[in-house]
Amino acid sequence: MESSNKPARKLTLFLILGVLSLLIGLFFSYTAFTSVSAADGLAGMYIMLGLIPVILIIIADRICVWKFGAKKVNKVQFYIAGIFILLFILNWIRLQTQQ
């Protein structure tokens, strides 16, 4: 029973978001590649190139989980995500007050 629960303990926020963005990005880039338009094919290539940083973040995440443990890494990742959400909200408030 312990061994079946062990992979779930290694999950982190960035791993889950990275895998989801990889799946969505690969789906949209494939649909753009298969279209007739050259501009859509170019958009598909840009989507594929945009997935390179996601792969690098997933690799860095796995190295940090291996070195520090999933619990500590997940705590730091939630702090990072919270800071980005806070900055997004502050920027939205700034844009609303400029009008």
Protein backbone atom coordinates (compact mmCIF):
# COMPACT_ATOMS: atom_id res chain seq x y z
CA MET A 1 0.00 0.00 0.00
CA GLU A 2 2.93 2.35 0.63
CA SER A 3 4.42 1.78 -2.81
CA SER A 4 1.20 2.73 -4.64
CA ASN A 5 1.04 6.07 -2.84
CA LYS A 6 4.74 6.89 -3.30
CA PRO A 7 4.57 8.42 -6.86
CA ALA A 8 1.76 10.74 -5.74
CA ARG A 9 4.07 12.19 -3.09
CA LYS A 10 6.58 13.25 -5.76
CA LEU A 11 4.08 15.47 -7.61
CA THR A 12 4.73 19.21 -7.54
CA LEU A 13 2.86 22.24 -8.80
CA PHE A 14 5.28 22.98 -11.62
CA LEU A 15 5.31 19.36 -12.77
CA ILE A 16 1.51 19.23 -13.04
CA LEU A 17 1.29 22.62 -14.79
CA GLY A 18 4.23 21.73 -17.05
CA VAL A 19 2.73 18.43 -18.18
CA LEU A 20 -0.64 20.09 -18.82
CA SER A 21 0.96 22.88 -20.84
CA LEU A 22 3.00 20.33 -22.81
CA LEU A 23 -0.12 18.34 -23.68
CA ILE A 24 -2.11 21.43 -24.65
CA GLY A 25 0.82 22.95 -26.56
CA LEU A 26 1.51 19.76 -28.48
CA PHE A 27 -2.18 19.44 -29.39
CA PHE A 28 -2.43 23.02 -30.66
CA SER A 29 0.89 22.88 -32.50
CA TYR A 30 -0.15 19.64 -34.21
CA THR A 31 -3.46 21.15 -35.29
CA ALA A 32 -1.63 24.24 -36.57
CA PHE A 33 0.91 22.10 -38.50
CA THR A 34 -1.81 20.12 -40.22
CA SER A 35 -3.65 23.20 -41.49
CA VAL A 36 -3.29 24.41 -45.06
CA SER A 37 -2.09 27.93 -44.30
CA ALA A 38 1.62 28.68 -44.02
CA ALA A 39 0.94 31.19 -41.26
CA ASP A 40 -0.74 28.50 -39.18
CA GLY A 41 2.25 26.20 -39.70
CA LEU A 42 4.53 29.00 -38.51
CA ALA A 43 2.32 29.50 -35.45
CA GLY A 44 2.67 25.79 -34.74
CA MET A 45 6.45 26.10 -34.84
CA TYR A 46 6.32 29.05 -32.43
CA ILE A 47 4.17 27.00 -30.06
CA MET A 48 6.70 24.16 -30.22
CA LEU A 49 9.58 26.55 -29.53
CA GLY A 50 7.62 27.98 -26.61
CA LEU A 51 7.57 24.54 -25.01
CA ILE A 52 11.37 24.45 -24.62
CA PRO A 53 11.35 26.59 -21.43
CA VAL A 54 8.57 24.40 -20.04
CA ILE A 55 10.72 21.30 -20.52
CA LEU A 56 13.68 23.05 -18.85
CA ILE A 57 11.50 24.01 -15.86
CA ILE A 58 10.26 20.43 -15.54
CA ILE A 59 13.85 19.14 -15.60
CA ALA A 60 14.91 21.70 -12.96
CA ASP A 61 11.87 20.75 -10.88
CA ARG A 62 12.76 17.06 -10.96
CA ILE A 63 16.37 17.81 -9.99
CA CYS A 64 15.19 19.94 -7.05
CA VAL A 65 12.74 17.24 -5.93
CA TRP A 66 15.51 14.66 -6.09
CA LYS A 67 17.85 16.90 -4.10
CA PHE A 68 15.55 18.60 -1.54
CA GLY A 69 12.34 16.56 -1.45
CA ALA A 70 8.90 17.20 -2.86
CA LYS A 71 7.45 18.85 0.23
CA LYS A 72 10.06 21.64 0.40
CA VAL A 73 10.05 22.19 -3.36
CA ASN A 74 6.25 22.37 -3.46
CA LYS A 75 6.24 25.00 -0.71
CA VAL A 76 8.66 27.20 -2.67
CA GLN A 77 6.67 26.70 -5.87
CA PHE A 78 3.43 27.75 -4.18
CA TYR A 79 5.19 30.90 -2.90
CA ILE A 80 6.40 31.64 -6.44
CA ALA A 81 2.91 31.06 -7.88
CA GLY A 82 1.38 33.27 -5.18
CA ILE A 83 3.79 36.08 -5.97
CA PHE A 84 2.95 35.85 -9.69
CA ILE A 85 -0.78 35.91 -8.95
CA LEU A 86 -0.31 38.90 -6.64
CA LEU A 87 1.69 40.75 -9.33
CA PHE A 88 -1.01 39.94 -11.90
CA ILE A 89 -3.72 41.35 -9.62
CA LEU A 90 -1.68 44.47 -8.85
CA ASN A 91 -1.06 45.03 -12.55
CA TRP A 92 -4.77 44.60 -13.29
CA ILE A 93 -5.62 47.16 -10.59
CA ARG A 94 -3.02 49.54 -12.03
CA LEU A 95 -4.49 49.21 -15.51
CA GLN A 96 -8.01 49.82 -14.21
CA THR A 97 -7.00 52.99 -12.42
CA GLN A 98 -5.28 54.44 -15.52
CA GLN A 99 -8.50 54.67 -17.52
